[in-house]
């Protein structure tokens, strides 16, 4: 699913806005989430999940092509933790 797909669904369900306005609304939502994550904030969407920024520490790694050992620099990473509402659906999908 892409942002365009999400915008199309918003357009189809809302009815009072144009397709262009729906696309802009989706863009504003994603930009807001990115901005807050960039500032190190947690973004929690009730019933969906939580986005967090985690700091990865420096570590030793290996170049998979050459096998050469190298140092991997510290970095930030976005982590998503799904809401507990997803747990029953996930368990049913695994058992099927």
N, C-alpha and C. Protein backbone atom coordinates (compact mmCIF):
# COMPACT_ATOMS: atom_id res chain seq x y z
N UNK A 1 0.85 -1.17 0.00
CA UNK A 1 0.00 0.00 0.00
C UNK A 1 0.90 1.24 0.00
N UNK A 2 0.53 2.22 -0.78
CA UNK A 2 1.31 3.45 -0.90
C UNK A 2 0.54 4.64 -0.33
N UNK A 3 1.22 5.79 -0.26
CA UNK A 3 0.53 7.00 0.20
C UNK A 3 -0.61 7.34 -0.74
N UNK A 4 -0.41 7.10 -2.03
CA UNK A 4 -1.47 7.38 -3.02
C UNK A 4 -2.70 6.50 -2.75
N UNK A 5 -2.47 5.25 -2.38
CA UNK A 5 -3.59 4.35 -2.04
C UNK A 5 -4.34 4.85 -0.82
N UNK A 6 -3.59 5.30 0.18
CA UNK A 6 -4.22 5.83 1.40
C UNK A 6 -5.03 7.09 1.07
N UNK A 7 -4.46 7.97 0.25
CA UNK A 7 -5.17 9.20 -0.15
C UNK A 7 -6.44 8.86 -0.91
N UNK A 8 -6.39 7.85 -1.78
CA UNK A 8 -7.58 7.45 -2.55
C UNK A 8 -8.67 6.94 -1.60
N UNK A 9 -8.29 6.16 -0.58
CA UNK A 9 -9.25 5.64 0.38
C UNK A 9 -9.88 6.79 1.18
N UNK A 10 -9.06 7.77 1.60
CA UNK A 10 -9.58 8.94 2.32
C UNK A 10 -10.57 9.69 1.42
N UNK A 11 -10.21 9.88 0.17
CA UNK A 11 -11.08 10.58 -0.79
C UNK A 11 -12.41 9.83 -0.95
N UNK A 12 -12.35 8.50 -1.11
CA UNK A 12 -13.57 7.72 -1.34
C UNK A 12 -14.48 7.68 -0.11
N UNK A 13 -13.88 7.65 1.07
CA UNK A 13 -14.69 7.54 2.29
C UNK A 13 -15.22 8.88 2.77
N UNK A 14 -14.48 9.97 2.52
CA UNK A 14 -14.89 11.26 3.07
C UNK A 14 -15.98 11.91 2.23
N UNK A 15 -15.78 12.01 0.94
CA UNK A 15 -16.80 12.57 0.06
C UNK A 15 -16.84 14.08 -0.02
N UNK A 16 -16.41 14.79 1.01
CA UNK A 16 -16.49 16.24 1.00
C UNK A 16 -15.22 16.94 0.55
N UNK A 17 -14.19 16.17 0.21
CA UNK A 17 -12.94 16.79 -0.22
C UNK A 17 -12.51 16.22 -1.57
N UNK A 18 -11.67 16.95 -2.26
CA UNK A 18 -11.20 16.50 -3.56
C UNK A 18 -10.08 15.48 -3.38
N UNK A 19 -9.75 14.81 -4.46
CA UNK A 19 -8.66 13.84 -4.45
C UNK A 19 -7.34 14.53 -4.09
N UNK A 20 -7.13 15.73 -4.62
CA UNK A 20 -5.92 16.50 -4.33
C UNK A 20 -5.86 16.89 -2.85
N UNK A 21 -6.99 17.29 -2.28
CA UNK A 21 -7.03 17.64 -0.85
C UNK A 21 -6.75 16.42 0.02
N UNK A 22 -7.27 15.25 -0.38
CA UNK A 22 -7.03 14.01 0.38
C UNK A 22 -5.55 13.67 0.35
N UNK A 23 -4.91 13.82 -0.82
CA UNK A 23 -3.47 13.55 -0.94
C UNK A 23 -2.68 14.51 -0.07
N UNK A 24 -3.07 15.76 -0.06
CA UNK A 24 -2.37 16.76 0.76
C UNK A 24 -2.55 16.46 2.26
N UNK A 25 -3.73 16.03 2.66
CA UNK A 25 -4.00 15.67 4.05
C UNK A 25 -3.10 14.51 4.49
N UNK A 26 -3.00 13.48 3.67
CA UNK A 26 -2.14 12.34 3.98
C UNK A 26 -0.69 12.80 4.08
N UNK A 27 -0.26 13.66 3.17
CA UNK A 27 1.11 14.18 3.19
C UNK A 27 1.39 14.96 4.48
N UNK A 28 0.44 15.78 4.92
CA UNK A 28 0.60 16.55 6.15
C UNK A 28 0.73 15.62 7.35
N UNK A 29 -0.06 14.55 7.38
CA UNK A 29 0.00 13.60 8.49
C UNK A 29 1.38 12.94 8.55
N UNK A 30 1.88 12.46 7.41
CA UNK A 30 3.19 11.80 7.40
C UNK A 30 4.31 12.78 7.71
N UNK A 31 4.23 14.00 7.22
CA UNK A 31 5.26 15.00 7.51
C UNK A 31 5.29 15.31 9.02
N UNK A 32 4.12 15.38 9.63
CA UNK A 32 4.04 15.64 11.07
C UNK A 32 4.67 14.50 11.86
N UNK A 33 4.37 13.27 11.48
CA UNK A 33 4.97 12.11 12.15
C UNK A 33 6.48 12.14 11.99
N UNK A 34 6.98 12.38 10.77
CA UNK A 34 8.43 12.41 10.54
C UNK A 34 9.11 13.52 11.34
N UNK A 35 8.47 14.68 11.41
CA UNK A 35 9.06 15.81 12.14
C UNK A 35 9.21 15.47 13.63
N UNK A 36 8.16 14.92 14.21
CA UNK A 36 8.20 14.59 15.63
C UNK A 36 9.20 13.46 15.92
N UNK A 37 9.28 12.47 15.04
CA UNK A 37 10.28 11.42 15.23
C UNK A 37 11.68 12.00 15.10
N UNK A 38 11.86 12.93 14.18
CA UNK A 38 13.15 13.58 14.00
C UNK A 38 13.58 14.37 15.22
N UNK A 39 12.61 14.85 15.99
CA UNK A 39 12.90 15.58 17.23
C UNK A 39 13.06 14.62 18.41
N UNK A 40 13.00 13.31 18.14
CA UNK A 40 13.20 12.32 19.19
C UNK A 40 11.96 11.99 19.99
N UNK A 41 10.80 12.46 19.55
CA UNK A 41 9.57 12.20 20.28
C UNK A 41 8.99 10.84 19.90
N UNK A 42 8.18 10.29 20.78
CA UNK A 42 7.44 9.07 20.54
C UNK A 42 6.12 9.48 19.88
N UNK A 43 5.69 8.75 18.84
CA UNK A 43 4.42 9.02 18.18
C UNK A 43 3.52 7.81 18.42
N UNK A 44 2.46 8.04 19.20
CA UNK A 44 1.55 6.96 19.57
C UNK A 44 0.20 7.19 18.91
N UNK A 45 -0.24 6.20 18.14
CA UNK A 45 -1.54 6.26 17.48
C UNK A 45 -2.39 5.15 18.12
N UNK A 46 -3.32 5.56 18.95
CA UNK A 46 -4.13 4.62 19.72
C UNK A 46 -4.86 3.66 18.79
N UNK A 47 -4.80 2.37 19.11
CA UNK A 47 -5.45 1.35 18.31
C UNK A 47 -4.63 0.90 17.12
N UNK A 48 -3.49 1.55 16.86
CA UNK A 48 -2.63 1.18 15.74
C UNK A 48 -1.25 0.76 16.22
N UNK A 49 -0.55 1.69 16.89
CA UNK A 49 0.77 1.35 17.40
C UNK A 49 1.57 2.58 17.75
N UNK A 50 2.84 2.36 18.08
CA UNK A 50 3.73 3.43 18.51
C UNK A 50 5.01 3.41 17.68
N UNK A 51 5.42 4.58 17.23
CA UNK A 51 6.69 4.76 16.54
C UNK A 51 7.67 5.37 17.53
N UNK A 52 8.87 4.78 17.62
CA UNK A 52 9.91 5.26 18.52
C UNK A 52 11.21 5.42 17.75
N UNK A 53 12.07 6.32 18.23
CA UNK A 53 13.41 6.44 17.68
C UNK A 53 14.36 5.78 18.67
N UNK A 54 15.10 4.81 18.21
CA UNK A 54 16.08 4.12 19.04
C UNK A 54 17.48 4.47 18.56
N UNK A 55 18.38 4.60 19.50
CA UNK A 55 19.78 4.88 19.17
C UNK A 55 20.54 3.55 19.13
N UNK A 56 21.15 3.27 18.00
CA UNK A 56 21.98 2.08 17.86
C UNK A 56 23.42 2.46 18.19
N UNK A 57 24.09 1.66 18.98
CA UNK A 57 25.46 1.99 19.36
C UNK A 57 26.44 1.52 18.29
N UNK A 58 27.65 2.02 18.40
CA UNK A 58 28.72 1.61 17.49
C UNK A 58 29.02 0.13 17.73
N UNK A 59 29.29 -0.60 16.63
CA UNK A 59 29.59 -2.02 16.77
C UNK A 59 30.47 -2.50 15.63
N UNK A 60 31.06 -3.65 15.83
CA UNK A 60 31.88 -4.26 14.79
C UNK A 60 30.99 -5.09 13.89
N UNK A 61 31.26 -5.02 12.60
CA UNK A 61 30.51 -5.80 11.64
C UNK A 61 31.44 -6.36 10.59
N UNK A 62 30.87 -6.99 9.58
CA UNK A 62 31.67 -7.60 8.53
C UNK A 62 31.04 -7.28 7.18
N UNK A 63 31.88 -6.89 6.23
CA UNK A 63 31.42 -6.65 4.86
C UNK A 63 31.05 -8.02 4.28
N UNK A 64 29.79 -8.23 3.88
CA UNK A 64 29.39 -9.56 3.41
C UNK A 64 30.05 -9.96 2.09
N UNK A 65 30.47 -8.99 1.29
CA UNK A 65 31.10 -9.33 0.01
C UNK A 65 32.56 -9.72 0.17
N UNK A 66 33.27 -9.00 1.02
CA UNK A 66 34.71 -9.24 1.15
C UNK A 66 35.08 -9.99 2.42
N UNK A 67 34.20 -10.01 3.40
CA UNK A 67 34.50 -10.64 4.68
C UNK A 67 35.35 -9.75 5.58
N UNK A 68 35.70 -8.55 5.09
CA UNK A 68 36.53 -7.63 5.85
C UNK A 68 35.77 -7.10 7.07
N UNK A 69 36.44 -7.09 8.22
CA UNK A 69 35.84 -6.56 9.43
C UNK A 69 35.84 -5.04 9.36
N UNK A 70 34.75 -4.43 9.85
CA UNK A 70 34.64 -2.98 9.81
C UNK A 70 33.88 -2.48 11.02
N UNK A 71 33.96 -1.17 11.24
CA UNK A 71 33.27 -0.54 12.36
C UNK A 71 31.99 0.10 11.82
N UNK A 72 30.85 -0.24 12.42
CA UNK A 72 29.57 0.34 12.02
C UNK A 72 29.28 1.49 12.96
N UNK A 73 29.11 2.67 12.40
CA UNK A 73 28.91 3.88 13.21
C UNK A 73 27.57 3.87 13.93
N UNK A 74 27.49 4.62 15.04
CA UNK A 74 26.20 4.73 15.74
C UNK A 74 25.18 5.44 14.85
N UNK A 75 23.91 5.09 15.02
CA UNK A 75 22.87 5.71 14.20
C UNK A 75 21.53 5.65 14.91
N UNK A 76 20.59 6.39 14.37
CA UNK A 76 19.22 6.36 14.87
C UNK A 76 18.40 5.44 13.99
N UNK A 77 17.42 4.78 14.57
CA UNK A 77 16.56 3.87 13.83
C UNK A 77 15.12 4.04 14.33
N UNK A 78 14.16 4.02 13.41
CA UNK A 78 12.75 4.11 13.78
C UNK A 78 12.23 2.70 14.01
N UNK A 79 11.55 2.51 15.13
CA UNK A 79 10.99 1.22 15.51
C UNK A 79 9.48 1.38 15.62
N UNK A 80 8.74 0.38 15.15
CA UNK A 80 7.28 0.39 15.28
C UNK A 80 6.86 -0.76 16.18
N UNK A 81 6.07 -0.43 17.19
CA UNK A 81 5.49 -1.45 18.07
C UNK A 81 3.99 -1.44 17.84
N UNK A 82 3.43 -2.52 17.29
CA UNK A 82 1.99 -2.54 17.03
C UNK A 82 1.17 -2.55 18.31
N UNK A 83 -0.04 -2.05 18.20
CA UNK A 83 -0.98 -2.05 19.32
C UNK A 83 -1.31 -3.48 19.72
N UNK A 84 -1.73 -3.66 20.95
CA UNK A 84 -2.14 -4.99 21.40
C UNK A 84 -3.37 -5.48 20.64
N UNK A 85 -4.08 -4.59 19.99
CA UNK A 85 -5.24 -5.00 19.20
C UNK A 85 -4.83 -5.88 18.02
N UNK A 86 -3.56 -5.80 17.59
CA UNK A 86 -3.07 -6.63 16.51
C UNK A 86 -2.70 -8.04 16.97
N UNK A 87 -2.51 -8.26 18.25
CA UNK A 87 -2.03 -9.54 18.77
C UNK A 87 -2.93 -10.72 18.40
N UNK A 88 -4.26 -10.65 18.57
CA UNK A 88 -5.09 -11.81 18.20
C UNK A 88 -5.03 -12.11 16.72
N UNK A 89 -4.99 -11.09 15.88
CA UNK A 89 -4.93 -11.30 14.43
C UNK A 89 -3.61 -11.93 14.03
N UNK A 90 -2.54 -11.50 14.67
CA UNK A 90 -1.21 -12.04 14.36
C UNK A 90 -1.12 -13.50 14.78
N UNK A 91 -1.68 -13.85 15.94
CA UNK A 91 -1.65 -15.21 16.43
C UNK A 91 -2.47 -16.14 15.51
N UNK A 92 -3.60 -15.65 15.01
CA UNK A 92 -4.44 -16.45 14.12
C UNK A 92 -3.74 -16.68 12.78
N UNK A 93 -3.00 -15.69 12.29
CA UNK A 93 -2.30 -15.81 11.02
C UNK A 93 -1.17 -16.83 11.13
N UNK A 94 -0.50 -16.88 12.27
CA UNK A 94 0.60 -17.81 12.46
C UNK A 94 0.09 -19.25 12.55
N UNK A 95 -1.05 -19.46 13.21
CA UNK A 95 -1.57 -20.80 13.40
C UNK A 95 -2.25 -21.35 12.15
N UNK A 96 -2.60 -20.49 11.21
CA UNK A 96 -3.31 -20.95 10.00
C UNK A 96 -2.41 -21.59 8.99
